[in-house]
PDB file of N, CA and C in Angstrom:
ATOM      1  N   UNK A   1       0.679 -17.658  11.053  1.00  0.00           N
ATOM      2  CA  UNK A   1      -0.161 -17.142   9.997  1.00  0.00           C
ATOM      3  C   UNK A   1      -0.738 -18.307   9.234  1.00  0.00           C
ATOM      4  N   UNK A   2      -2.086 -18.251   9.006  1.00  0.00           N
ATOM      5  CA  UNK A   2      -2.774 -19.313   8.295  1.00  0.00           C
ATOM      6  C   UNK A   2      -2.712 -18.923   6.800  1.00  0.00           C
ATOM      7  N   UNK A   3      -2.035 -19.758   6.006  1.00  0.00           N
ATOM      8  CA  UNK A   3      -1.888 -19.493   4.573  1.00  0.00           C
ATOM      9  C   UNK A   3      -3.259 -19.452   3.849  1.00  0.00           C
ATOM     10  N   UNK A   4      -4.245 -20.163   4.353  1.00  0.00           N
ATOM     11  CA  UNK A   4      -5.541 -20.131   3.759  1.00  0.00           C
ATOM     12  C   UNK A   4      -6.246 -18.811   3.781  1.00  0.00           C
ATOM     13  N   UNK A   5      -5.791 -17.917   4.706  1.00  0.00           N
ATOM     14  CA  UNK A   5      -6.371 -16.550   4.786  1.00  0.00           C
ATOM     15  C   UNK A   5      -5.899 -15.658   3.673  1.00  0.00           C
ATOM     16  N   UNK A   6      -4.733 -15.932   3.067  1.00  0.00           N
ATOM     17  CA  UNK A   6      -4.109 -15.092   2.074  1.00  0.00           C
ATOM     18  C   UNK A   6      -4.680 -15.373   0.709  1.00  0.00           C
ATOM     19  N   UNK A   7      -5.906 -14.864   0.482  1.00  0.00           N
ATOM     20  CA  UNK A   7      -6.599 -15.134  -0.789  1.00  0.00           C
ATOM     21  C   UNK A   7      -6.559 -14.002  -1.803  1.00  0.00           C
ATOM     22  N   UNK A   8      -6.013 -12.896  -1.393  1.00  0.00           N
ATOM     23  CA  UNK A   8      -5.924 -11.728  -2.327  1.00  0.00           C
ATOM     24  C   UNK A   8      -4.480 -11.659  -2.846  1.00  0.00           C
ATOM     25  N   UNK A   9      -4.309 -10.964  -3.936  1.00  0.00           N
ATOM     26  CA  UNK A   9      -3.023 -10.756  -4.575  1.00  0.00           C
ATOM     27  C   UNK A   9      -2.693  -9.274  -4.590  1.00  0.00           C
ATOM     28  N   UNK A  10      -1.538  -8.883  -4.197  1.00  0.00           N
ATOM     29  CA  UNK A  10      -1.107  -7.495  -4.254  1.00  0.00           C
ATOM     30  C   UNK A  10       0.225  -7.335  -4.892  1.00  0.00           C
ATOM     31  N   UNK A  11       0.400  -6.260  -5.573  1.00  0.00           N
ATOM     32  CA  UNK A  11       1.748  -5.882  -6.099  1.00  0.00           C
ATOM     33  C   UNK A  11       2.332  -4.810  -5.256  1.00  0.00           C
ATOM     34  N   UNK A  12       3.613  -4.887  -5.014  1.00  0.00           N
ATOM     35  CA  UNK A  12       4.370  -3.855  -4.252  1.00  0.00           C
ATOM     36  C   UNK A  12       5.013  -2.920  -5.281  1.00  0.00           C
ATOM     37  N   UNK A  13       4.704  -1.619  -5.195  1.00  0.00           N
ATOM     38  CA  UNK A  13       5.234  -0.642  -6.157  1.00  0.00           C
ATOM     39  C   UNK A  13       6.036   0.391  -5.394  1.00  0.00           C
ATOM     40  N   UNK A  14       7.144   0.827  -6.027  1.00  0.00           N
ATOM     41  CA  UNK A  14       7.994   1.845  -5.358  1.00  0.00           C
ATOM     42  C   UNK A  14       8.312   2.988  -6.371  1.00  0.00           C
ATOM     43  N   UNK A  15       8.775   4.088  -5.856  1.00  0.00           N
ATOM     44  CA  UNK A  15       9.245   5.197  -6.689  1.00  0.00           C
ATOM     45  C   UNK A  15      10.697   5.418  -6.342  1.00  0.00           C
ATOM     46  N   UNK A  16      11.532   5.531  -7.386  1.00  0.00           N
ATOM     47  CA  UNK A  16      12.936   5.829  -7.162  1.00  0.00           C
ATOM     48  C   UNK A  16      13.188   7.278  -7.390  1.00  0.00           C
ATOM     49  N   UNK A  17      14.226   7.812  -6.717  1.00  0.00           N
ATOM     50  CA  UNK A  17      14.635   9.185  -6.994  1.00  0.00           C
ATOM     51  C   UNK A  17      15.592   9.166  -8.108  1.00  0.00           C
ATOM     52  N   UNK A  18      15.413  10.080  -9.070  1.00  0.00           N
ATOM     53  CA  UNK A  18      16.309  10.182 -10.225  1.00  0.00           C
ATOM     54  C   UNK A  18      16.731  11.648 -10.330  1.00  0.00           C
ATOM     55  N   UNK A  19      17.921  11.824 -10.968  1.00  0.00           N
ATOM     56  CA  UNK A  19      18.408  13.177 -11.243  1.00  0.00           C
ATOM     57  C   UNK A  19      17.677  13.759 -12.436  1.00  0.00           C
ATOM     58  N   UNK A  20      17.067  14.902 -12.242  1.00  0.00           N
ATOM     59  CA  UNK A  20      16.327  15.561 -13.326  1.00  0.00           C
ATOM     60  C   UNK A  20      16.863  16.880 -13.597  1.00  0.00           C
ATOM     61  N   UNK A  21      16.242  17.665 -14.468  1.00  0.00           N
ATOM     62  CA  UNK A  21      16.698  18.989 -14.795  1.00  0.00           C
ATOM     63  C   UNK A  21      16.695  19.936 -13.613  1.00  0.00           C
ATOM     64  N   UNK A  22      15.680  19.707 -12.725  1.00  0.00           N
ATOM     65  CA  UNK A  22      15.558  20.619 -11.550  1.00  0.00           C
ATOM     66  C   UNK A  22      15.970  19.932 -10.268  1.00  0.00           C
ATOM     67  N   UNK A  23      16.927  18.996 -10.355  1.00  0.00           N
ATOM     68  CA  UNK A  23      17.405  18.286  -9.142  1.00  0.00           C
ATOM     69  C   UNK A  23      16.790  16.930  -9.020  1.00  0.00           C
ATOM     70  N   UNK A  24      16.605  16.464  -7.804  1.00  0.00           N
ATOM     71  CA  UNK A  24      16.027  15.158  -7.510  1.00  0.00           C
ATOM     72  C   UNK A  24      14.535  15.138  -7.899  1.00  0.00           C
ATOM     73  N   UNK A  25      14.141  14.133  -8.601  1.00  0.00           N
ATOM     74  CA  UNK A  25      12.738  14.001  -8.975  1.00  0.00           C
ATOM     75  C   UNK A  25      12.362  12.522  -8.704  1.00  0.00           C
ATOM     76  N   UNK A  26      11.054  12.299  -8.550  1.00  0.00           N
ATOM     77  CA  UNK A  26      10.553  10.947  -8.380  1.00  0.00           C
ATOM     78  C   UNK A  26      10.192  10.323  -9.712  1.00  0.00           C
ATOM     79  N   UNK A  27      10.679   9.127  -9.925  1.00  0.00           N
ATOM     80  CA  UNK A  27      10.333   8.382 -11.173  1.00  0.00           C
ATOM     81  C   UNK A  27       8.904   7.853 -11.025  1.00  0.00           C
ATOM     82  N   UNK A  28       8.327   7.425 -12.150  1.00  0.00           N
ATOM     83  CA  UNK A  28       6.961   6.833 -12.051  1.00  0.00           C
ATOM     84  C   UNK A  28       7.014   5.605 -11.195  1.00  0.00           C
ATOM     85  N   UNK A  29       5.798   5.268 -10.654  1.00  0.00           N
ATOM     86  CA  UNK A  29       5.674   4.044  -9.875  1.00  0.00           C
ATOM     87  C   UNK A  29       6.027   2.828 -10.689  1.00  0.00           C
ATOM     88  N   UNK A  30       6.749   1.916 -10.097  1.00  0.00           N
ATOM     89  CA  UNK A  30       7.113   0.663 -10.826  1.00  0.00           C
ATOM     90  C   UNK A  30       7.061  -0.509  -9.823  1.00  0.00           C
ATOM     91  N   UNK A  31       6.758  -1.665 -10.361  1.00  0.00           N
ATOM     92  CA  UNK A  31       6.692  -2.875  -9.495  1.00  0.00           C
ATOM     93  C   UNK A  31       8.062  -3.170  -8.913  1.00  0.00           C
ATOM     94  N   UNK A  32       8.090  -3.480  -7.660  1.00  0.00           N
ATOM     95  CA  UNK A  32       9.382  -3.761  -6.918  1.00  0.00           C
ATOM     96  C   UNK A  32       9.819  -5.166  -7.197  1.00  0.00           C
ATOM     97  N   UNK A  33       8.898  -6.049  -7.612  1.00  0.00           N
ATOM     98  CA  UNK A  33       9.182  -7.426  -7.933  1.00  0.00           C
ATOM     99  C   UNK A  33       8.517  -7.852  -9.233  1.00  0.00           C
ATOM    100  N   UNK A  34       8.925  -8.959  -9.771  1.00  0.00           N
ATOM    101  CA  UNK A  34       8.375  -9.421 -11.012  1.00  0.00           C
ATOM    102  C   UNK A  34       7.066 -10.179 -10.812  1.00  0.00           C
ATOM    103  N   UNK A  35       6.614 -10.355  -9.614  1.00  0.00           N
ATOM    104  CA  UNK A  35       5.395 -11.110  -9.370  1.00  0.00           C
ATOM    105  C   UNK A  35       4.582 -10.508  -8.203  1.00  0.00           C
ATOM    106  N   UNK A  36       3.360 -10.912  -8.097  1.00  0.00           N
ATOM    107  CA  UNK A  36       2.507 -10.393  -7.023  1.00  0.00           C
ATOM    108  C   UNK A  36       2.689 -11.272  -5.786  1.00  0.00           C
ATOM    109  N   UNK A  37       2.123 -10.838  -4.649  1.00  0.00           N
ATOM    110  CA  UNK A  37       2.232 -11.575  -3.412  1.00  0.00           C
ATOM    111  C   UNK A  37       0.887 -11.834  -2.818  1.00  0.00           C
ATOM    112  N   UNK A  38       0.779 -12.961  -2.110  1.00  0.00           N
ATOM    113  CA  UNK A  38      -0.469 -13.348  -1.435  1.00  0.00           C
ATOM    114  C   UNK A  38      -0.678 -12.451  -0.238  1.00  0.00           C
ATOM    115  N   UNK A  39      -1.935 -12.067   0.030  1.00  0.00           N
ATOM    116  CA  UNK A  39      -2.240 -11.164   1.117  1.00  0.00           C
ATOM    117  C   UNK A  39      -3.684 -11.379   1.509  1.00  0.00           C
ATOM    118  N   UNK A  40      -4.039 -10.849   2.651  1.00  0.00           N
ATOM    119  CA  UNK A  40      -5.432 -10.723   3.081  1.00  0.00           C
ATOM    120  C   UNK A  40      -5.721  -9.254   3.234  1.00  0.00           C
ATOM    121  N   UNK A  41      -6.647  -8.727   2.409  1.00  0.00           N
ATOM    122  CA  UNK A  41      -7.007  -7.344   2.398  1.00  0.00           C
ATOM    123  C   UNK A  41      -8.400  -7.200   2.860  1.00  0.00           C
ATOM    124  N   UNK A  42      -8.634  -6.337   3.875  1.00  0.00           N
ATOM    125  CA  UNK A  42     -10.005  -6.157   4.357  1.00  0.00           C
ATOM    126  C   UNK A  42     -10.176  -4.665   4.692  1.00  0.00           C
ATOM    127  N   UNK A  43     -11.335  -4.104   4.325  1.00  0.00           N
ATOM    128  CA  UNK A  43     -11.619  -2.733   4.700  1.00  0.00           C
ATOM    129  C   UNK A  43     -11.842  -2.636   6.181  1.00  0.00           C
ATOM    130  N   UNK A  44     -11.317  -1.471   6.726  1.00  0.00           N
ATOM    131  CA  UNK A  44     -11.473  -1.201   8.175  1.00  0.00           C
ATOM    132  C   UNK A  44     -12.569  -0.154   8.414  1.00  0.00           C
ATOM    133  N   UNK A  45     -12.455   0.976   7.676  1.00  0.00           N
ATOM    134  CA  UNK A  45     -13.512   2.027   7.809  1.00  0.00           C
ATOM    135  C   UNK A  45     -13.376   2.958   6.635  1.00  0.00           C
ATOM    136  N   UNK A  46     -14.484   3.642   6.331  1.00  0.00           N
ATOM    137  CA  UNK A  46     -14.510   4.625   5.268  1.00  0.00           C
ATOM    138  C   UNK A  46     -15.066   5.942   5.805  1.00  0.00           C
ATOM    139  N   UNK A  47     -14.591   7.015   5.267  1.00  0.00           N
ATOM    140  CA  UNK A  47     -15.122   8.349   5.707  1.00  0.00           C
ATOM    141  C   UNK A  47     -14.847   9.313   4.553  1.00  0.00           C
ATOM    142  N   UNK A  48     -15.586  10.444   4.624  1.00  0.00           N
ATOM    143  CA  UNK A  48     -15.427  11.477   3.663  1.00  0.00           C
ATOM    144  C   UNK A  48     -14.650  12.685   4.331  1.00  0.00           C
ATOM    145  N   UNK A  49     -13.826  13.351   3.553  1.00  0.00           N
ATOM    146  CA  UNK A  49     -13.175  14.500   4.093  1.00  0.00           C
ATOM    147  C   UNK A  49     -13.006  15.522   2.984  1.00  0.00           C
ATOM    148  N   UNK A  50     -12.838  16.760   3.363  1.00  0.00           N
ATOM    149  CA  UNK A  50     -12.632  17.846   2.437  1.00  0.00           C
ATOM    150  C   UNK A  50     -11.158  17.939   2.186  1.00  0.00           C
ATOM    151  N   UNK A  51     -10.760  17.817   0.872  1.00  0.00           N
ATOM    152  CA  UNK A  51      -9.363  17.854   0.500  1.00  0.00           C
ATOM    153  C   UNK A  51      -9.217  18.754  -0.729  1.00  0.00           C
ATOM    154  N   UNK A  52      -8.461  19.813  -0.558  1.00  0.00           N
ATOM    155  CA  UNK A  52      -8.226  20.789  -1.639  1.00  0.00           C
ATOM    156  C   UNK A  52      -9.564  21.293  -2.256  1.00  0.00           C
ATOM    157  N   UNK A  53     -10.517  21.566  -1.366  1.00  0.00           N
ATOM    158  CA  UNK A  53     -11.779  22.085  -1.816  1.00  0.00           C
ATOM    159  C   UNK A  53     -12.734  21.063  -2.447  1.00  0.00           C
ATOM    160  N   UNK A  54     -12.358  19.794  -2.475  1.00  0.00           N
ATOM    161  CA  UNK A  54     -13.213  18.768  -3.035  1.00  0.00           C
ATOM    162  C   UNK A  54     -13.503  17.699  -1.933  1.00  0.00           C
ATOM    163  N   UNK A  55     -14.652  17.096  -2.038  1.00  0.00           N
ATOM    164  CA  UNK A  55     -14.953  15.999  -1.085  1.00  0.00           C
ATOM    165  C   UNK A  55     -14.263  14.739  -1.625  1.00  0.00           C
ATOM    166  N   UNK A  56     -13.595  14.081  -0.687  1.00  0.00           N
ATOM    167  CA  UNK A  56     -12.864  12.850  -1.120  1.00  0.00           C
ATOM    168  C   UNK A  56     -13.323  11.704  -0.202  1.00  0.00           C
ATOM    169  N   UNK A  57     -13.550  10.528  -0.759  1.00  0.00           N
ATOM    170  CA  UNK A  57     -13.863   9.341  -0.042  1.00  0.00           C
ATOM    171  C   UNK A  57     -12.576   8.625   0.326  1.00  0.00           C
ATOM    172  N   UNK A  58     -12.277   8.475   1.595  1.00  0.00           N
ATOM    173  CA  UNK A  58     -11.106   7.781   2.063  1.00  0.00           C
ATOM    174  C   UNK A  58     -11.530   6.480   2.705  1.00  0.00           C
ATOM    175  N   UNK A  59     -10.825   5.395   2.380  1.00  0.00           N
ATOM    176  CA  UNK A  59     -11.080   4.091   2.942  1.00  0.00           C
ATOM    177  C   UNK A  59      -9.788   3.514   3.510  1.00  0.00           C
ATOM    178  N   UNK A  60      -9.876   3.092   4.745  1.00  0.00           N
ATOM    179  CA  UNK A  60      -8.656   2.454   5.356  1.00  0.00           C
ATOM    180  C   UNK A  60      -8.838   0.938   5.302  1.00  0.00           C
ATOM    181  N   UNK A  61      -7.701   0.300   5.007  1.00  0.00           N
ATOM    182  CA  UNK A  61      -7.639  -1.150   4.863  1.00  0.00           C
ATOM    183  C   UNK A  61      -6.597  -1.710   5.798  1.00  0.00           C
ATOM    184  N   UNK A  62      -6.800  -2.940   6.255  1.00  0.00           N
ATOM    185  CA  UNK A  62      -5.724  -3.706   6.947  1.00  0.00           C
ATOM    186  C   UNK A  62      -5.314  -4.782   5.967  1.00  0.00           C
ATOM    187  N   UNK A  63      -4.007  -4.833   5.751  1.00  0.00           N
ATOM    188  CA  UNK A  63      -3.418  -5.870   4.835  1.00  0.00           C
ATOM    189  C   UNK A  63      -2.508  -6.706   5.655  1.00  0.00           C
ATOM    190  N   UNK A  64      -2.729  -8.069   5.562  1.00  0.00           N
ATOM    191  CA  UNK A  64      -1.798  -9.012   6.217  1.00  0.00           C
ATOM    192  C   UNK A  64      -1.088  -9.766   5.115  1.00  0.00           C
ATOM    193  N   UNK A  65       0.230  -9.898   5.233  1.00  0.00           N
ATOM    194  CA  UNK A  65       1.013 -10.667   4.269  1.00  0.00           C
ATOM    195  C   UNK A  65       2.292 -11.219   4.896  1.00  0.00           C
ATOM    196  N   UNK A  66       2.938 -12.129   4.209  1.00  0.00           N
ATOM    197  CA  UNK A  66       4.207 -12.658   4.679  1.00  0.00           C
ATOM    198  C   UNK A  66       5.220 -11.527   4.670  1.00  0.00           C
ATOM    199  N   UNK A  67       6.225 -11.652   5.563  1.00  0.00           N
ATOM    200  CA  UNK A  67       7.204 -10.565   5.665  1.00  0.00           C
ATOM    201  C   UNK A  67       8.009 -10.376   4.420  1.00  0.00           C
ATOM    202  N   UNK A  68       8.243  -9.139   4.062  1.00  0.00           N
ATOM    203  CA  UNK A  68       9.156  -8.735   3.017  1.00  0.00           C
ATOM    204  C   UNK A  68       9.691  -7.357   3.384  1.00  0.00           C
ATOM    205  N   UNK A  69      10.994  -7.094   3.233  1.00  0.00           N
ATOM    206  CA  UNK A  69      11.509  -5.747   3.575  1.00  0.00           C
ATOM    207  C   UNK A  69      11.107  -4.698   2.501  1.00  0.00           C
ATOM    208  N   UNK A  70      10.463  -5.096   1.415  1.00  0.00           N
ATOM    209  CA  UNK A  70      10.074  -4.154   0.357  1.00  0.00           C
ATOM    210  C   UNK A  70       8.905  -3.266   0.765  1.00  0.00           C
ATOM    211  N   UNK A  71       8.079  -3.685   1.740  1.00  0.00           N
ATOM    212  CA  UNK A  71       6.931  -2.912   2.133  1.00  0.00           C
ATOM    213  C   UNK A  71       7.362  -1.868   3.191  1.00  0.00           C
ATOM    214  N   UNK A  72       7.220  -0.631   2.858  1.00  0.00           N
ATOM    215  CA  UNK A  72       7.537   0.488   3.727  1.00  0.00           C
ATOM    216  C   UNK A  72       6.448   1.528   3.590  1.00  0.00           C
ATOM    217  N   UNK A  73       6.429   2.566   4.449  1.00  0.00           N
ATOM    218  CA  UNK A  73       5.395   3.607   4.301  1.00  0.00           C
ATOM    219  C   UNK A  73       5.577   4.483   3.003  1.00  0.00           C
ATOM    220  N   UNK A  74       6.729   4.321   2.291  1.00  0.00           N
ATOM    221  CA  UNK A  74       7.018   5.049   1.078  1.00  0.00           C
ATOM    222  C   UNK A  74       6.598   4.271  -0.165  1.00  0.00           C
ATOM    223  N   UNK A  75       6.183   3.072  -0.069  1.00  0.00           N
ATOM    224  CA  UNK A  75       5.717   2.306  -1.211  1.00  0.00           C
ATOM    225  C   UNK A  75       4.236   2.431  -1.340  1.00  0.00           C
ATOM    226  N   UNK A  76       3.677   1.713  -2.334  1.00  0.00           N
ATOM    227  CA  UNK A  76       2.187   1.567  -2.400  1.00  0.00           C
ATOM    228  C   UNK A  76       1.916   0.140  -2.818  1.00  0.00           C
ATOM    229  N   UNK A  77       0.715  -0.331  -2.513  1.00  0.00           N
ATOM    230  CA  UNK A  77       0.247  -1.643  -2.863  1.00  0.00           C
ATOM    231  C   UNK A  77      -0.824  -1.542  -3.904  1.00  0.00           C
ATOM    232  N   UNK A  78      -0.745  -2.358  -4.955  1.00  0.00           N
ATOM    233  CA  UNK A  78      -1.820  -2.370  -5.914  1.00  0.00           C
ATOM    234  C   UNK A  78      -2.610  -3.606  -5.751  1.00  0.00           C
ATOM    235  N   UNK A  79      -3.879  -3.478  -5.413  1.00  0.00           N
ATOM    236  CA  UNK A  79      -4.811  -4.603  -5.181  1.00  0.00           C
ATOM    237  C   UNK A  79      -5.862  -4.486  -6.259  1.00  0.00           C
ATOM    238  N   UNK A  80      -5.711  -5.249  -7.332  1.00  0.00           N
ATOM    239  CA  UNK A  80      -6.617  -5.077  -8.500  1.00  0.00           C
ATOM    240  C   UNK A  80      -6.413  -3.705  -9.055  1.00  0.00           C
ATOM    241  N   UNK A  81      -7.483  -2.909  -9.150  1.00  0.00           N
ATOM    242  CA  UNK A  81      -7.420  -1.543  -9.666  1.00  0.00           C
ATOM    243  C   UNK A  81      -7.301  -0.523  -8.586  1.00  0.00           C
ATOM    244  N   UNK A  82      -7.130  -0.955  -7.301  1.00  0.00           N
ATOM    245  CA  UNK A  82      -7.081  -0.038  -6.174  1.00  0.00           C
ATOM    246  C   UNK A  82      -5.670   0.112  -5.665  1.00  0.00           C
ATOM    247  N   UNK A  83      -5.265   1.391  -5.460  1.00  0.00           N
ATOM    248  CA  UNK A  83      -3.964   1.647  -4.898  1.00  0.00           C
ATOM    249  C   UNK A  83      -4.043   1.927  -3.403  1.00  0.00           C
ATOM    250  N   UNK A  84      -3.279   1.237  -2.625  1.00  0.00           N
ATOM    251  CA  UNK A  84      -3.286   1.371  -1.164  1.00  0.00           C
ATOM    252  C   UNK A  84      -1.948   1.999  -0.770  1.00  0.00           C
ATOM    253  N   UNK A  85      -2.059   3.064   0.044  1.00  0.00           N
ATOM    254  CA  UNK A  85      -0.849   3.763   0.519  1.00  0.00           C
ATOM    255  C   UNK A  85      -0.626   3.522   2.036  1.00  0.00           C
ATOM    256  N   UNK A  86       0.397   2.719   2.344  1.00  0.00           N
ATOM    257  CA  UNK A  86       0.614   2.358   3.749  1.00  0.00           C
ATOM    258  C   UNK A  86       0.926   3.573   4.648  1.00  0.00           C
ATOM    259  N   UNK A  87       0.296   3.633   5.778  1.00  0.00           N
ATOM    260  CA  UNK A  87       0.638   4.646   6.806  1.00  0.00           C
ATOM    261  C   UNK A  87       1.356   4.011   7.992  1.00  0.00           C
ATOM    262  N   UNK A  88       1.167   2.713   8.121  1.00  0.00           N
ATOM    263  CA  UNK A  88       1.814   1.985   9.227  1.00  0.00           C
ATOM    264  C   UNK A  88       2.152   0.565   8.748  1.00  0.00           C
ATOM    265  N   UNK A  89       3.406   0.139   8.965  1.00  0.00           N
ATOM    266  CA  UNK A  89       3.803  -1.234   8.633  1.00  0.00           C
ATOM    267  C   UNK A  89       4.395  -1.869   9.827  1.00  0.00           C
ATOM    268  N   UNK A  90       3.765  -2.922  10.325  1.00  0.00           N
ATOM    269  CA  UNK A  90       4.189  -3.558  11.557  1.00  0.00           C
ATOM    270  C   UNK A  90       4.710  -4.944  11.256  1.00  0.00           C
ATOM    271  N   UNK A  91       5.939  -5.224  11.707  1.00  0.00           N
ATOM    272  CA  UNK A  91       6.540  -6.540  11.599  1.00  0.00           C
ATOM    273  C   UNK A  91       6.080  -7.258  12.861  1.00  0.00           C
ATOM    274  N   UNK A  92       5.079  -8.123  12.764  1.00  0.00           N
ATOM    275  CA  UNK A  92       4.370  -8.736  13.912  1.00  0.00           C
ATOM    276  C   UNK A  92       5.380  -9.521  14.790  1.00  0.00           C
ATOM    277  N   UNK A  93       5.430  -9.134  16.004  1.00  0.00           N
ATOM    278  CA  UNK A  93       6.376  -9.745  17.037  1.00  0.00           C
ATOM    279  C   UNK A  93       7.831  -9.633  16.642  1.00  0.00           C
ATOM    280  N   UNK A  94       8.140  -8.824  15.674  1.00  0.00           N
ATOM    281  CA  UNK A  94       9.546  -8.622  15.166  1.00  0.00           C
ATOM    282  C   UNK A  94      10.226  -9.929  14.779  1.00  0.00           C
ATOM    283  N   UNK A  95       9.447 -10.862  14.209  1.00  0.00           N
ATOM    284  CA  UNK A  95       9.977 -12.179  13.828  1.00  0.00           C
ATOM    285  C   UNK A  95      10.258 -12.312  12.369  1.00  0.00           C
ATOM    286  N   UNK A  96      10.010 -11.268  11.592  1.00  0.00           N
ATOM    287  CA  UNK A  96      10.239 -11.299  10.140  1.00  0.00           C
ATOM    288  C   UNK A  96       9.402 -12.474   9.495  1.00  0.00           C
ATOM    289  N   UNK A  97       8.249 -12.684   9.949  1.00  0.00           N
ATOM    290  CA  UNK A  97       7.365 -13.714   9.431  1.00  0.00           C
ATOM    291  C   UNK A  97       6.097 -13.115   8.769  1.00  0.00           C
ATOM    292  N   UNK A  98       5.520 -12.146   9.475  1.00  0.00           N
ATOM    293  CA  UNK A  98       4.233 -11.559   9.056  1.00  0.00           C
ATOM    294  C   UNK A  98       4.241 -10.032   9.168  1.00  0.00           C
ATOM    295  N   UNK A  99       3.606  -9.385   8.185  1.00  0.00           N
ATOM    296  CA  UNK A  99       3.437  -7.951   8.188  1.00  0.00           C
ATOM    297  C   UNK A  99       1.959  -7.633   8.366  1.00  0.00           C
ATOM    298  N   UNK A 100       1.666  -6.628   9.188  1.00  0.00           N
ATOM    299  CA  UNK A 100       0.303  -6.095   9.268  1.00  0.00           C
ATOM    300  C   UNK A 100       0.458  -4.617   8.901  1.00  0.00           C
ATOM    301  N   UNK A 101      -0.327  -4.236   7.826  1.00  0.00           N
ATOM    302  CA  UNK A 101      -0.201  -2.947   7.227  1.00  0.00           C
ATOM    303  C   UNK A 101      -1.508  -2.190   7.289  1.00  0.00           C
ATOM    304  N   UNK A 102      -1.487  -0.937   7.759  1.00  0.00           N
ATOM    305  CA  UNK A 102      -2.608  -0.099   7.708  1.00  0.00           C
ATOM    306  C   UNK A 102      -2.410   0.864   6.539  1.00  0.00           C
ATOM    307  N   UNK A 103      -3.316   0.791   5.593  1.00  0.00           N
ATOM    308  CA  UNK A 103      -3.189   1.566   4.352  1.00  0.00           C
ATOM    309  C   UNK A 103      -4.491   2.295   4.041  1.00  0.00           C
ATOM    310  N   UNK A 104      -4.347   3.403   3.246  1.00  0.00           N
ATOM    311  CA  UNK A 104      -5.488   4.216   2.911  1.00  0.00           C
ATOM    312  C   UNK A 104      -5.513   4.399   1.382  1.00  0.00           C
ATOM    313  N   UNK A 105      -6.737   4.457   0.854  1.00  0.00           N
ATOM    314  CA  UNK A 105      -6.935   4.818  -0.530  1.00  0.00           C
ATOM    315  C   UNK A 105      -7.898   6.030  -0.512  1.00  0.00           C
ATOM    316  N   UNK A 106      -7.674   6.958  -1.404  1.00  0.00           N
ATOM    317  CA  UNK A 106      -8.460   8.174  -1.498  1.00  0.00           C
ATOM    318  C   UNK A 106      -8.977   8.322  -2.904  1.00  0.00           C
ATOM    319  N   UNK A 107     -10.343   8.519  -3.023  1.00  0.00           N
ATOM    320  CA  UNK A 107     -10.942   8.717  -4.290  1.00  0.00           C
ATOM    321  C   UNK A 107     -11.671  10.032  -4.275  1.00  0.00           C
ATOM    322  N   UNK A 108     -11.335  10.884  -5.235  1.00  0.00           N
ATOM    323  CA  UNK A 108     -11.974  12.227  -5.321  1.00  0.00           C
ATOM    324  C   UNK A 108     -13.342  12.139  -5.987  1.00  0.00           C
ATOM    325  N   UNK A 109     -14.261  12.985  -5.522  1.00  0.00           N
ATOM    326  CA  UNK A 109     -15.567  13.066  -6.062  1.00  0.00           C
ATOM    327  C   UNK A 109     -15.826  14.440  -6.615  1.00  0.00           C
ATOM    328  N   UNK A 110     -16.435  14.570  -7.721  1.00  0.00           N
ATOM    329  CA  UNK A 110     -16.657  15.873  -8.386  1.00  0.00           C
ATOM    330  C   UNK A 110     -17.783  16.602  -7.642  1.00  0.00           C
TER     331      UNK A 110
END
């Protein structure tokens, strides 16, 4: 992995399960670490789809970053003001050196 490619900064955010009045509930999103991580974020494709009766703009991104066990399909990545939701997390060559993440962001349009 070429460190010069990692020019973007992303935060890894997770949700914990907590005991609530009605059983298990999800806590608000919180940063998994006290600092951001270097990454390469690039858009892959964008498309519109009908979601709950509204048109939504969905954009897929590919994110490359150094390996961390904190990135899973249940977390989200914050890239500036954009939230990326991983659908696929690949540990490249299973060497625990590099992750390649396919993530989606969805924006609703009125």
